[in-house]
Amino acid sequence: MRLLDLQPIGSELALKWENGVEHFISLEAVRRACPCASCAGEMDIMGNLAKGPESKLTDASFQVKRLRPVGGYAVQILWQDGHNAGLYSHEYLHSIGEKTA
């Protein structure tokens, strides 16, 4: 699935896909689905999920400061609260869009 366009519009992230499908995902849903190790966690060698401390999310946590493409497969979202560790693959964004459609 190829992503053609990605834009924050108001409180949503608008995505347009090559097949004509469009998703409008709330920025809150995108942020809460952050795939970084601190937010989503990562498995250690023993199979235990390790996560960073729970972050207090504020209004700034759901506002996009900048979108930075990563190759042709992902986007890094820089949030107004300074968080920027998550790389959202196009496939992952598509799955979020399908779940919230």
Protein backbone atom coordinates (compact mmCIF):
# COMPACT_ATOMS: atom_id res chain seq x y z
CA MET A 1 0.00 0.00 0.00
CA ARG A 2 1.65 3.24 -1.14
CA LEU A 3 0.98 6.46 0.75
CA LEU A 4 0.43 9.40 -1.59
CA ASP A 5 -0.28 12.20 0.88
CA LEU A 6 -0.21 12.83 4.62
CA GLN A 7 -1.43 16.05 6.22
CA PRO A 8 -2.51 17.15 9.69
CA ILE A 9 -5.90 18.84 9.31
CA GLY A 10 -7.32 20.28 12.50
CA SER A 11 -7.42 17.50 15.07
CA GLU A 12 -6.97 14.72 12.48
CA LEU A 13 -4.28 13.18 10.34
CA ALA A 14 -5.46 12.81 6.74
CA LEU A 15 -3.91 10.01 4.68
CA LYS A 16 -4.46 9.31 0.99
CA TRP A 17 -3.47 5.92 -0.38
CA GLU A 18 -2.57 4.85 -3.90
CA ASN A 19 -5.78 2.83 -4.26
CA GLY A 20 -7.91 5.94 -3.58
CA VAL A 21 -8.72 5.07 0.04
CA GLU A 22 -8.54 7.97 2.46
CA HIS A 23 -8.28 7.78 6.23
CA PHE A 24 -8.91 10.54 8.75
CA ILE A 25 -7.45 9.51 12.09
CA SER A 26 -7.69 11.64 15.22
CA LEU A 27 -4.29 12.95 16.27
CA GLU A 28 -5.03 11.64 19.75
CA ALA A 29 -5.44 8.11 18.36
CA VAL A 30 -2.19 8.45 16.38
CA ARG A 31 -0.27 9.65 19.44
CA ARG A 32 -1.71 6.98 21.72
CA ALA A 33 -0.61 4.39 19.14
CA CYS A 34 2.99 5.67 19.18
CA PRO A 35 5.19 2.69 18.27
CA CYS A 36 8.36 3.85 20.04
CA ALA A 37 9.95 1.63 22.68
CA SER A 38 9.09 4.04 25.49
CA CYS A 39 5.38 4.23 24.61
CA ALA A 40 4.63 0.79 23.14
CA GLY A 41 7.40 -1.11 24.88
CA GLU A 42 9.81 -3.69 23.55
CA MET A 43 10.51 -7.28 24.40
CA ASP A 44 13.64 -8.09 26.33
CA ILE A 45 15.66 -11.26 25.79
CA MET A 46 13.43 -13.15 28.24
CA GLY A 47 10.24 -12.16 26.40
CA ASN A 48 9.15 -9.60 28.99
CA LEU A 49 7.64 -6.33 27.80
CA ALA A 50 9.72 -3.36 28.96
CA LYS A 51 8.24 0.14 28.73
CA GLY A 52 9.26 3.59 29.79
CA PRO A 53 7.40 5.39 32.56
CA GLU A 54 3.83 6.43 31.79
CA SER A 55 3.87 9.86 30.17
CA LYS A 56 1.43 12.58 31.14
CA LEU A 57 -0.24 13.62 27.93
CA THR A 58 -1.38 17.22 27.53
CA ASP A 59 -3.10 19.13 24.74
CA ALA A 60 0.35 19.65 23.16
CA SER A 61 0.76 15.86 23.05
CA PHE A 62 -1.91 15.69 20.35
CA GLN A 63 -0.64 18.54 18.15
CA VAL A 64 1.76 17.95 15.28
CA LYS A 65 4.76 20.23 15.08
CA ARG A 66 6.25 18.61 11.98
CA LEU A 67 6.09 15.47 9.84
CA ARG A 68 9.40 14.06 8.67
CA PRO A 69 9.40 11.36 5.97
CA VAL A 70 11.74 8.43 6.61
CA GLY A 71 12.72 6.78 3.35
CA GLY A 72 9.71 5.66 1.37
CA TYR A 73 8.25 3.56 4.16
CA ALA A 74 7.62 5.63 7.31
CA VAL A 75 7.07 9.03 8.86
CA GLN A 76 8.46 10.47 12.07
CA ILE A 77 5.96 12.70 13.84
CA LEU A 78 7.36 15.52 15.94
CA TRP A 79 4.73 16.44 18.51
CA GLN A 80 4.34 19.87 20.13
CA ASP A 81 5.25 18.41 23.55
CA GLY A 82 8.69 17.41 22.23
CA HIS A 83 8.05 13.69 21.75
CA ASN A 84 9.51 12.41 18.46
CA ALA A 85 10.80 8.88 19.01
CA GLY A 86 8.13 6.98 17.09
CA LEU A 87 8.59 5.92 13.48
CA TYR A 88 5.16 5.23 12.01
CA SER A 89 5.51 2.87 9.05
CA HIS A 90 3.03 3.41 6.24
CA GLU A 91 1.71 -0.09 6.89
CA TYR A 92 1.18 0.75 10.58
CA LEU A 93 -0.62 4.00 9.73
CA HIS A 94 -2.84 2.09 7.30
CA SER A 95 -3.74 -0.42 10.02
CA ILE A 96 -4.61 2.41 12.45
CA GLY A 97 -6.78 3.98 9.74
CA GLU A 98 -8.59 0.72 9.08
CA LYS A 99 -9.28 0.21 12.80
CA THR A 100 -10.69 3.71 13.25
CA ALA A 101 -12.70 3.79 9.99
